[in-house]
Amino acid sequence: DIEWSYIVETACTDGKTGRLVMNPKYMRHVYDRFGDAGVQFIVLHETMHNYYTRIHRGQEIKTPTDNIIVDKMINREIISRWAEFKDVIKGLGALL
């Protein structure tokens, strides 16, 4: 499920149910800069957070530092599997 909310600044997952929460203004910004590929990247990135947390049993995110570590891991994996997102990731200033 995707929930739209202005409470979050960008996009995230709740880490428990798999629900994705996205700020409509942020997603419009992503779409305006990168089109469908930008939106696809955000959805893929947040879905991979769910994968690492729920299925892969990766590092549980308890602090902002934990989230940075997992963001970097996810973005590197996305680039290694789907090189077409490299420019989106760099353009968004996403962590590598």
PDB file of N, CA and C in Angstrom:
ATOM      1  N   ASP A   1       0.834  -1.188   0.000  1.00  0.00           N
ATOM      2  CA  ASP A   1       0.000   0.000   0.000  1.00  0.00           C
ATOM      3  C   ASP A   1       0.876   1.248   0.000  1.00  0.00           C
ATOM      4  N   ILE A   2       0.382   2.298  -0.612  1.00  0.00           N
ATOM      5  CA  ILE A   2       1.054   3.595  -0.577  1.00  0.00           C
ATOM      6  C   ILE A   2       0.117   4.589   0.086  1.00  0.00           C
ATOM      7  N   GLU A   3       0.655   5.291   1.057  1.00  0.00           N
ATOM      8  CA  GLU A   3      -0.089   6.339   1.755  1.00  0.00           C
ATOM      9  C   GLU A   3       0.557   7.676   1.404  1.00  0.00           C
ATOM     10  N   TRP A   4      -0.249   8.668   1.136  1.00  0.00           N
ATOM     11  CA  TRP A   4       0.255  10.005   0.832  1.00  0.00           C
ATOM     12  C   TRP A   4       0.151  10.841   2.092  1.00  0.00           C
ATOM     13  N   SER A   5       1.241  11.531   2.440  1.00  0.00           N
ATOM     14  CA  SER A   5       1.244  12.304   3.676  1.00  0.00           C
ATOM     15  C   SER A   5       2.239  13.450   3.573  1.00  0.00           C
ATOM     16  N   TYR A   6       1.836  14.604   4.087  1.00  0.00           N
ATOM     17  CA  TYR A   6       2.747  15.743   4.162  1.00  0.00           C
ATOM     18  C   TYR A   6       3.558  15.711   5.453  1.00  0.00           C
ATOM     19  N   ILE A   7       3.320  14.725   6.299  1.00  0.00           N
ATOM     20  CA  ILE A   7       4.056  14.600   7.558  1.00  0.00           C
ATOM     21  C   ILE A   7       5.504  14.198   7.295  1.00  0.00           C
ATOM     22  N   VAL A   8       5.720  13.306   6.333  1.00  0.00           N
ATOM     23  CA  VAL A   8       7.091  12.915   5.980  1.00  0.00           C
ATOM     24  C   VAL A   8       7.626  13.912   4.949  1.00  0.00           C
ATOM     25  N   GLU A   9       8.935  14.140   4.985  1.00  0.00           N
ATOM     26  CA  GLU A   9       9.528  15.107   4.047  1.00  0.00           C
ATOM     27  C   GLU A   9       9.706  14.528   2.653  1.00  0.00           C
ATOM     28  N   THR A  10      10.019  13.240   2.568  1.00  0.00           N
ATOM     29  CA  THR A  10      10.301  12.627   1.270  1.00  0.00           C
ATOM     30  C   THR A  10       9.445  11.376   1.105  1.00  0.00           C
ATOM     31  N   ALA A  11      10.015  10.228   1.382  1.00  0.00           N
ATOM     32  CA  ALA A  11       9.298   8.962   1.312  1.00  0.00           C
ATOM     33  C   ALA A  11       9.925   8.012   2.319  1.00  0.00           C
ATOM     34  N   CYS A  12       9.134   7.068   2.797  1.00  0.00           N
ATOM     35  CA  CYS A  12       9.649   6.101   3.759  1.00  0.00           C
ATOM     36  C   CYS A  12       8.731   4.887   3.774  1.00  0.00           C
ATOM     37  N   THR A  13       9.146   3.900   4.537  1.00  0.00           N
ATOM     38  CA  THR A  13       8.292   2.759   4.817  1.00  0.00           C
ATOM     39  C   THR A  13       8.080   2.712   6.311  1.00  0.00           C
ATOM     40  N   ASP A  14       6.968   2.167   6.730  1.00  0.00           N
ATOM     41  CA  ASP A  14       6.727   2.106   8.170  1.00  0.00           C
ATOM     42  C   ASP A  14       7.574   1.033   8.850  1.00  0.00           C
ATOM     43  N   GLY A  15       8.205   0.158   8.066  1.00  0.00           N
ATOM     44  CA  GLY A  15       9.099  -0.843   8.629  1.00  0.00           C
ATOM     45  C   GLY A  15       8.421  -2.008   9.312  1.00  0.00           C
ATOM     46  N   LYS A  16       7.109  -2.000   9.335  1.00  0.00           N
ATOM     47  CA  LYS A  16       6.383  -3.073  10.013  1.00  0.00           C
ATOM     48  C   LYS A  16       5.392  -3.772   9.087  1.00  0.00           C
ATOM     49  N   THR A  17       4.522  -2.995   8.481  1.00  0.00           N
ATOM     50  CA  THR A  17       3.480  -3.586   7.635  1.00  0.00           C
ATOM     51  C   THR A  17       3.858  -3.593   6.163  1.00  0.00           C
ATOM     52  N   GLY A  18       4.922  -2.868   5.809  1.00  0.00           N
ATOM     53  CA  GLY A  18       5.310  -2.758   4.412  1.00  0.00           C
ATOM     54  C   GLY A  18       4.685  -1.578   3.708  1.00  0.00           C
ATOM     55  N   ARG A  19       3.886  -0.810   4.430  1.00  0.00           N
ATOM     56  CA  ARG A  19       3.220   0.356   3.838  1.00  0.00           C
ATOM     57  C   ARG A  19       4.276   1.412   3.489  1.00  0.00           C
ATOM     58  N   LEU A  20       4.171   1.989   2.303  1.00  0.00           N
ATOM     59  CA  LEU A  20       5.041   3.078   1.878  1.00  0.00           C
ATOM     60  C   LEU A  20       4.309   4.392   2.125  1.00  0.00           C
ATOM     61  N   VAL A  21       5.025   5.371   2.635  1.00  0.00           N
ATOM     62  CA  VAL A  21       4.456   6.691   2.896  1.00  0.00           C
ATOM     63  C   VAL A  21       5.249   7.692   2.058  1.00  0.00           C
ATOM     64  N   MET A  22       4.528   8.469   1.252  1.00  0.00           N
ATOM     65  CA  MET A  22       5.196   9.398   0.336  1.00  0.00           C
ATOM     66  C   MET A  22       4.573  10.781   0.422  1.00  0.00           C
ATOM     67  N   ASN A  23       5.449  11.779   0.416  1.00  0.00           N
ATOM     68  CA  ASN A  23       5.010  13.158   0.405  1.00  0.00           C
ATOM     69  C   ASN A  23       4.661  13.527  -1.048  1.00  0.00           C
ATOM     70  N   PRO A  24       3.422  13.928  -1.317  1.00  0.00           N
ATOM     71  CA  PRO A  24       3.014  14.235  -2.697  1.00  0.00           C
ATOM     72  C   PRO A  24       3.860  15.339  -3.345  1.00  0.00           C
ATOM     73  N   LYS A  25       4.227  16.358  -2.576  1.00  0.00           N
ATOM     74  CA  LYS A  25       5.030  17.451  -3.124  1.00  0.00           C
ATOM     75  C   LYS A  25       6.418  16.937  -3.520  1.00  0.00           C
ATOM     76  N   TYR A  26       7.016  16.114  -2.687  1.00  0.00           N
ATOM     77  CA  TYR A  26       8.322  15.540  -2.991  1.00  0.00           C
ATOM     78  C   TYR A  26       8.241  14.651  -4.230  1.00  0.00           C
ATOM     79  N   MET A  27       7.228  13.825  -4.305  1.00  0.00           N
ATOM     80  CA  MET A  27       7.099  12.919  -5.440  1.00  0.00           C
ATOM     81  C   MET A  27       6.855  13.695  -6.734  1.00  0.00           C
ATOM     82  N   ARG A  28       6.150  14.799  -6.673  1.00  0.00           N
ATOM     83  CA  ARG A  28       5.970  15.666  -7.846  1.00  0.00           C
ATOM     84  C   ARG A  28       7.318  16.229  -8.284  1.00  0.00           C
ATOM     85  N   HIS A  29       8.123  16.643  -7.315  1.00  0.00           N
ATOM     86  CA  HIS A  29       9.473  17.143  -7.596  1.00  0.00           C
ATOM     87  C   HIS A  29      10.308  16.058  -8.288  1.00  0.00           C
ATOM     88  N   VAL A  30      10.264  14.852  -7.760  1.00  0.00           N
ATOM     89  CA  VAL A  30      11.015  13.735  -8.350  1.00  0.00           C
ATOM     90  C   VAL A  30      10.536  13.477  -9.776  1.00  0.00           C
ATOM     91  N   TYR A  31       9.225  13.442  -9.957  1.00  0.00           N
ATOM     92  CA  TYR A  31       8.673  13.196 -11.289  1.00  0.00           C
ATOM     93  C   TYR A  31       9.061  14.309 -12.269  1.00  0.00           C
ATOM     94  N   ASP A  32       8.969  15.553 -11.823  1.00  0.00           N
ATOM     95  CA  ASP A  32       9.303  16.675 -12.702  1.00  0.00           C
ATOM     96  C   ASP A  32      10.766  16.631 -13.141  1.00  0.00           C
ATOM     97  N   ARG A  33      11.662  16.173 -12.286  1.00  0.00           N
ATOM     98  CA  ARG A  33      13.094  16.119 -12.622  1.00  0.00           C
ATOM     99  C   ARG A  33      13.492  14.879 -13.401  1.00  0.00           C
ATOM    100  N   PHE A  34      12.865  13.724 -13.069  1.00  0.00           N
ATOM    101  CA  PHE A  34      13.344  12.455 -13.614  1.00  0.00           C
ATOM    102  C   PHE A  34      12.272  11.605 -14.286  1.00  0.00           C
ATOM    103  N   GLY A  35      11.040  12.097 -14.312  1.00  0.00           N
ATOM    104  CA  GLY A  35       9.959  11.350 -14.953  1.00  0.00           C
ATOM    105  C   GLY A  35       9.653  10.046 -14.235  1.00  0.00           C
ATOM    106  N   ASP A  36       9.142   9.090 -14.994  1.00  0.00           N
ATOM    107  CA  ASP A  36       8.762   7.804 -14.419  1.00  0.00           C
ATOM    108  C   ASP A  36       9.923   7.111 -13.715  1.00  0.00           C
ATOM    109  N   ALA A  37      11.127   7.245 -14.255  1.00  0.00           N
ATOM    110  CA  ALA A  37      12.295   6.579 -13.658  1.00  0.00           C
ATOM    111  C   ALA A  37      12.527   7.060 -12.224  1.00  0.00           C
ATOM    112  N   GLY A  38      12.294   8.327 -11.963  1.00  0.00           N
ATOM    113  CA  GLY A  38      12.458   8.852 -10.609  1.00  0.00           C
ATOM    114  C   GLY A  38      11.467   8.248  -9.640  1.00  0.00           C
ATOM    115  N   VAL A  39      10.216   8.184 -10.059  1.00  0.00           N
ATOM    116  CA  VAL A  39       9.179   7.597  -9.206  1.00  0.00           C
ATOM    117  C   VAL A  39       9.452   6.106  -9.008  1.00  0.00           C
ATOM    118  N   GLN A  40       9.841   5.430 -10.070  1.00  0.00           N
ATOM    119  CA  GLN A  40      10.160   4.001  -9.966  1.00  0.00           C
ATOM    120  C   GLN A  40      11.302   3.771  -8.991  1.00  0.00           C
ATOM    121  N   PHE A  41      12.312   4.620  -9.044  1.00  0.00           N
ATOM    122  CA  PHE A  41      13.432   4.476  -8.111  1.00  0.00           C
ATOM    123  C   PHE A  41      12.958   4.607  -6.671  1.00  0.00           C
ATOM    124  N   ILE A  42      12.170   5.631  -6.368  1.00  0.00           N
ATOM    125  CA  ILE A  42      11.710   5.844  -4.989  1.00  0.00           C
ATOM    126  C   ILE A  42      10.908   4.639  -4.507  1.00  0.00           C
ATOM    127  N   VAL A  43       9.981   4.160  -5.325  1.00  0.00           N
ATOM    128  CA  VAL A  43       9.177   2.992  -4.932  1.00  0.00           C
ATOM    129  C   VAL A  43      10.079   1.773  -4.740  1.00  0.00           C
ATOM    130  N   LEU A  44      11.015   1.562  -5.656  1.00  0.00           N
ATOM    131  CA  LEU A  44      11.939   0.433  -5.540  1.00  0.00           C
ATOM    132  C   LEU A  44      12.786   0.549  -4.278  1.00  0.00           C
ATOM    133  N   HIS A  45      13.336   1.710  -4.027  1.00  0.00           N
ATOM    134  CA  HIS A  45      14.181   1.920  -2.853  1.00  0.00           C
ATOM    135  C   HIS A  45      13.411   1.607  -1.566  1.00  0.00           C
ATOM    136  N   GLU A  46      12.213   2.157  -1.439  1.00  0.00           N
ATOM    137  CA  GLU A  46      11.439   1.931  -0.213  1.00  0.00           C
ATOM    138  C   GLU A  46      10.978   0.478  -0.095  1.00  0.00           C
ATOM    139  N   THR A  47      10.654  -0.140  -1.222  1.00  0.00           N
ATOM    140  CA  THR A  47      10.274  -1.559  -1.202  1.00  0.00           C
ATOM    141  C   THR A  47      11.460  -2.411  -0.759  1.00  0.00           C
ATOM    142  N   MET A  48      12.660  -2.036  -1.180  1.00  0.00           N
ATOM    143  CA  MET A  48      13.844  -2.778  -0.757  1.00  0.00           C
ATOM    144  C   MET A  48      14.107  -2.608   0.738  1.00  0.00           C
ATOM    145  N   HIS A  49      13.739  -1.459   1.296  1.00  0.00           N
ATOM    146  CA  HIS A  49      13.808  -1.327   2.757  1.00  0.00           C
ATOM    147  C   HIS A  49      12.956  -2.421   3.401  1.00  0.00           C
ATOM    148  N   ASN A  50      11.760  -2.622   2.876  1.00  0.00           N
ATOM    149  CA  ASN A  50      10.892  -3.677   3.412  1.00  0.00           C
ATOM    150  C   ASN A  50      11.540  -5.044   3.253  1.00  0.00           C
ATOM    151  N   TYR A  51      12.139  -5.287   2.107  1.00  0.00           N
ATOM    152  CA  TYR A  51      12.800  -6.564   1.869  1.00  0.00           C
ATOM    153  C   TYR A  51      13.898  -6.806   2.907  1.00  0.00           C
ATOM    154  N   TYR A  52      14.752  -5.818   3.096  1.00  0.00           N
ATOM    155  CA  TYR A  52      15.858  -5.989   4.045  1.00  0.00           C
ATOM    156  C   TYR A  52      15.353  -6.151   5.474  1.00  0.00           C
ATOM    157  N   THR A  53      14.308  -5.451   5.815  1.00  0.00           N
ATOM    158  CA  THR A  53      13.798  -5.504   7.183  1.00  0.00           C
ATOM    159  C   THR A  53      12.991  -6.770   7.452  1.00  0.00           C
ATOM    160  N   ARG A  54      12.132  -7.138   6.534  1.00  0.00           N
ATOM    161  CA  ARG A  54      11.176  -8.209   6.808  1.00  0.00           C
ATOM    162  C   ARG A  54      11.598  -9.568   6.269  1.00  0.00           C
ATOM    163  N   ILE A  55      12.219  -9.622   5.122  1.00  0.00           N
ATOM    164  CA  ILE A  55      12.510 -10.906   4.486  1.00  0.00           C
ATOM    165  C   ILE A  55      13.967 -11.285   4.670  1.00  0.00           C
ATOM    166  N   HIS A  56      14.852 -10.376   4.339  1.00  0.00           N
ATOM    167  CA  HIS A  56      16.281 -10.647   4.404  1.00  0.00           C
ATOM    168  C   HIS A  56      16.789 -10.611   5.847  1.00  0.00           C
ATOM    169  N   ARG A  57      16.000 -10.046   6.733  1.00  0.00           N
ATOM    170  CA  ARG A  57      16.362  -9.909   8.146  1.00  0.00           C
ATOM    171  C   ARG A  57      17.661  -9.134   8.316  1.00  0.00           C
ATOM    172  N   GLY A  58      17.719  -8.050   7.579  1.00  0.00           N
ATOM    173  CA  GLY A  58      18.896  -7.195   7.652  1.00  0.00           C
ATOM    174  C   GLY A  58      18.890  -6.371   8.918  1.00  0.00           C
ATOM    175  N   GLN A  59      19.720  -5.374   8.932  1.00  0.00           N
ATOM    176  CA  GLN A  59      19.868  -4.521  10.099  1.00  0.00           C
ATOM    177  C   GLN A  59      18.558  -3.797  10.389  1.00  0.00           C
ATOM    178  N   GLU A  60      18.118  -3.900  11.622  1.00  0.00           N
ATOM    179  CA  GLU A  60      16.928  -3.176  12.036  1.00  0.00           C
ATOM    180  C   GLU A  60      17.276  -1.696  12.167  1.00  0.00           C
ATOM    181  N   ILE A  61      16.392  -0.852  11.709  1.00  0.00           N
ATOM    182  CA  ILE A  61      16.652   0.585  11.740  1.00  0.00           C
ATOM    183  C   ILE A  61      16.096   1.153  13.035  1.00  0.00           C
ATOM    184  N   LYS A  62      17.017   1.597  13.888  1.00  0.00           N
ATOM    185  CA  LYS A  62      16.630   2.179  15.173  1.00  0.00           C
ATOM    186  C   LYS A  62      17.035   3.643  15.283  1.00  0.00           C
ATOM    187  N   THR A  63      18.043   4.039  14.505  1.00  0.00           N
ATOM    188  CA  THR A  63      18.555   5.406  14.585  1.00  0.00           C
ATOM    189  C   THR A  63      18.704   5.977  13.178  1.00  0.00           C
ATOM    190  N   PRO A  64      18.853   7.289  13.070  1.00  0.00           N
ATOM    191  CA  PRO A  64      19.114   7.875  11.745  1.00  0.00           C
ATOM    192  C   PRO A  64      20.381   7.307  11.097  1.00  0.00           C
ATOM    193  N   THR A  65      21.386   7.002  11.892  1.00  0.00           N
ATOM    194  CA  THR A  65      22.618   6.423  11.350  1.00  0.00           C
ATOM    195  C   THR A  65      22.352   5.056  10.736  1.00  0.00           C
ATOM    196  N   ASP A  66      21.520   4.254  11.399  1.00  0.00           N
ATOM    197  CA  ASP A  66      21.141   2.949  10.847  1.00  0.00           C
ATOM    198  C   ASP A  66      20.491   3.126   9.482  1.00  0.00           C
ATOM    199  N   ASN A  67      19.622   4.122   9.366  1.00  0.00           N
ATOM    200  CA  ASN A  67      18.926   4.356   8.102  1.00  0.00           C
ATOM    201  C   ASN A  67      19.913   4.749   7.003  1.00  0.00           C
ATOM    202  N   ILE A  68      20.902   5.567   7.341  1.00  0.00           N
ATOM    203  CA  ILE A  68      21.914   5.962   6.358  1.00  0.00           C
ATOM    204  C   ILE A  68      22.682   4.747   5.863  1.00  0.00           C
ATOM    205  N   ILE A  69      23.061   3.869   6.776  1.00  0.00           N
ATOM    206  CA  ILE A  69      23.793   2.654   6.402  1.00  0.00           C
ATOM    207  C   ILE A  69      22.968   1.806   5.442  1.00  0.00           C
ATOM    208  N   VAL A  70      21.704   1.609   5.762  1.00  0.00           N
ATOM    209  CA  VAL A  70      20.837   0.786   4.912  1.00  0.00           C
ATOM    210  C   VAL A  70      20.549   1.493   3.587  1.00  0.00           C
ATOM    211  N   ASP A  71      20.339   2.817   3.604  1.00  0.00           N
ATOM    212  CA  ASP A  71      20.137   3.571   2.357  1.00  0.00           C
ATOM    213  C   ASP A  71      21.308   3.372   1.400  1.00  0.00           C
ATOM    214  N   LYS A  72      22.521   3.487   1.914  1.00  0.00           N
ATOM    215  CA  LYS A  72      23.707   3.301   1.078  1.00  0.00           C
ATOM    216  C   LYS A  72      23.746   1.896   0.491  1.00  0.00           C
ATOM    217  N   MET A  73      23.465   0.902   1.320  1.00  0.00           N
ATOM    218  CA  MET A  73      23.486  -0.483   0.868  1.00  0.00           C
ATOM    219  C   MET A  73      22.440  -0.702  -0.234  1.00  0.00           C
ATOM    220  N   ILE A  74      21.253  -0.186  -0.021  1.00  0.00           N
ATOM    221  CA  ILE A  74      20.172  -0.339  -0.996  1.00  0.00           C
ATOM    222  C   ILE A  74      20.524   0.365  -2.304  1.00  0.00           C
ATOM    223  N   ASN A  75      20.998   1.598  -2.232  1.00  0.00           N
ATOM    224  CA  ASN A  75      21.304   2.350  -3.454  1.00  0.00           C
ATOM    225  C   ASN A  75      22.430   1.701  -4.251  1.00  0.00           C
ATOM    226  N   ARG A  76      23.421   1.166  -3.557  1.00  0.00           N
ATOM    227  CA  ARG A  76      24.497   0.457  -4.271  1.00  0.00           C
ATOM    228  C   ARG A  76      23.952  -0.798  -4.953  1.00  0.00           C
ATOM    229  N   GLU A  77      23.068  -1.503  -4.273  1.00  0.00           N
ATOM    230  CA  GLU A  77      22.485  -2.703  -4.879  1.00  0.00           C
ATOM    231  C   GLU A  77      21.618  -2.338  -6.081  1.00  0.00           C
ATOM    232  N   ILE A  78      20.853  -1.274  -5.968  1.00  0.00           N
ATOM    233  CA  ILE A  78      20.031  -0.837  -7.102  1.00  0.00           C
ATOM    234  C   ILE A  78      20.915  -0.530  -8.304  1.00  0.00           C
ATOM    235  N   ILE A  79      21.995   0.202  -8.101  1.00  0.00           N
ATOM    236  CA  ILE A  79      22.896   0.532  -9.211  1.00  0.00           C
ATOM    237  C   ILE A  79      23.502  -0.731  -9.810  1.00  0.00           C
ATOM    238  N   SER A  80      23.866  -1.691  -8.961  1.00  0.00           N
ATOM    239  CA  SER A  80      24.487  -2.911  -9.490  1.00  0.00           C
ATOM    240  C   SER A  80      23.498  -3.761 -10.285  1.00  0.00           C
ATOM    241  N   ARG A  81      22.217  -3.682  -9.954  1.00  0.00           N
ATOM    242  CA  ARG A  81      21.202  -4.481 -10.661  1.00  0.00           C
ATOM    243  C   ARG A  81      20.515  -3.708 -11.779  1.00  0.00           C
ATOM    244  N   TRP A  82      20.289  -2.426 -11.561  1.00  0.00           N
ATOM    245  CA  TRP A  82      19.546  -1.601 -12.510  1.00  0.00           C
ATOM    246  C   TRP A  82      20.315  -0.302 -12.746  1.00  0.00           C
ATOM    247  N   ALA A  83      21.307  -0.373 -13.611  1.00  0.00           N
ATOM    248  CA  ALA A  83      22.183   0.774 -13.872  1.00  0.00           C
ATOM    249  C   ALA A  83      21.422   2.000 -14.368  1.00  0.00           C
ATOM    250  N   GLU A  84      20.242   1.795 -14.938  1.00  0.00           N
ATOM    251  CA  GLU A  84      19.467   2.922 -15.461  1.00  0.00           C
ATOM    252  C   GLU A  84      19.037   3.903 -14.374  1.00  0.00           C
ATOM    253  N   PHE A  85      19.122   3.496 -13.115  1.00  0.00           N
ATOM    254  CA  PHE A  85      18.746   4.394 -12.017  1.00  0.00           C
ATOM    255  C   PHE A  85      19.930   5.194 -11.475  1.00  0.00           C
ATOM    256  N   LYS A  86      21.128   4.961 -11.984  1.00  0.00           N
ATOM    257  CA  LYS A  86      22.329   5.626 -11.456  1.00  0.00           C
ATOM    258  C   LYS A  86      22.207   7.148 -11.514  1.00  0.00           C
ATOM    259  N   ASP A  87      21.764   7.679 -12.644  1.00  0.00           N
ATOM    260  CA  ASP A  87      21.648   9.131 -12.780  1.00  0.00           C
ATOM    261  C   ASP A  87      20.565   9.697 -11.862  1.00  0.00           C
ATOM    262  N   VAL A  88      19.500   8.944 -11.649  1.00  0.00           N
ATOM    263  CA  VAL A  88      18.434   9.383 -10.739  1.00  0.00           C
ATOM    264  C   VAL A  88      18.993   9.462  -9.322  1.00  0.00           C
ATOM    265  N   ILE A  89      19.687   8.396  -8.920  1.00  0.00           N
ATOM    266  CA  ILE A  89      20.239   8.356  -7.560  1.00  0.00           C
ATOM    267  C   ILE A  89      21.207   9.519  -7.345  1.00  0.00           C
ATOM    268  N   LYS A  90      22.107   9.732  -8.280  1.00  0.00           N
ATOM    269  CA  LYS A  90      23.064  10.836  -8.142  1.00  0.00           C
ATOM    270  C   LYS A  90      22.366  12.193  -8.211  1.00  0.00           C
ATOM    271  N   GLY A  91      21.383  12.307  -9.093  1.00  0.00           N
ATOM    272  CA  GLY A  91      20.658  13.564  -9.242  1.00  0.00           C
ATOM    273  C   GLY A  91      19.853  13.944  -8.021  1.00  0.00           C
ATOM    274  N   LEU A  92      19.386  12.949  -7.296  1.00  0.00           N
ATOM    275  CA  LEU A  92      18.640  13.208  -6.060  1.00  0.00           C
ATOM    276  C   LEU A  92      19.574  13.450  -4.878  1.00  0.00           C
ATOM    277  N   GLY A  93      20.862  13.222  -5.097  1.00  0.00           N
ATOM    278  CA  GLY A  93      21.808  13.368  -3.987  1.00  0.00           C
ATOM    279  C   GLY A  93      21.669  12.226  -3.003  1.00  0.00           C
ATOM    280  N   ALA A  94      21.144  11.099  -3.489  1.00  0.00           N
ATOM    281  CA  ALA A  94      20.941   9.949  -2.619  1.00  0.00           C
ATOM    282  C   ALA A  94      22.279   9.388  -2.172  1.00  0.00           C
ATOM    283  N   LEU A  95      22.271   8.760  -1.047  1.00  0.00           N
ATOM    284  CA  LEU A  95      23.497   8.238  -0.449  1.00  0.00           C
ATOM    285  C   LEU A  95      24.036   7.045  -1.199  1.00  0.00           C
ATOM    286  N   LEU A  96      25.323   7.052  -1.451  1.00  0.00           N
ATOM    287  CA  LEU A  96      25.993   5.935  -2.095  1.00  0.00           C
ATOM    288  C   LEU A  96      27.011   5.389  -1.154  1.00  0.00           C
TER     289      LEU A  96
END
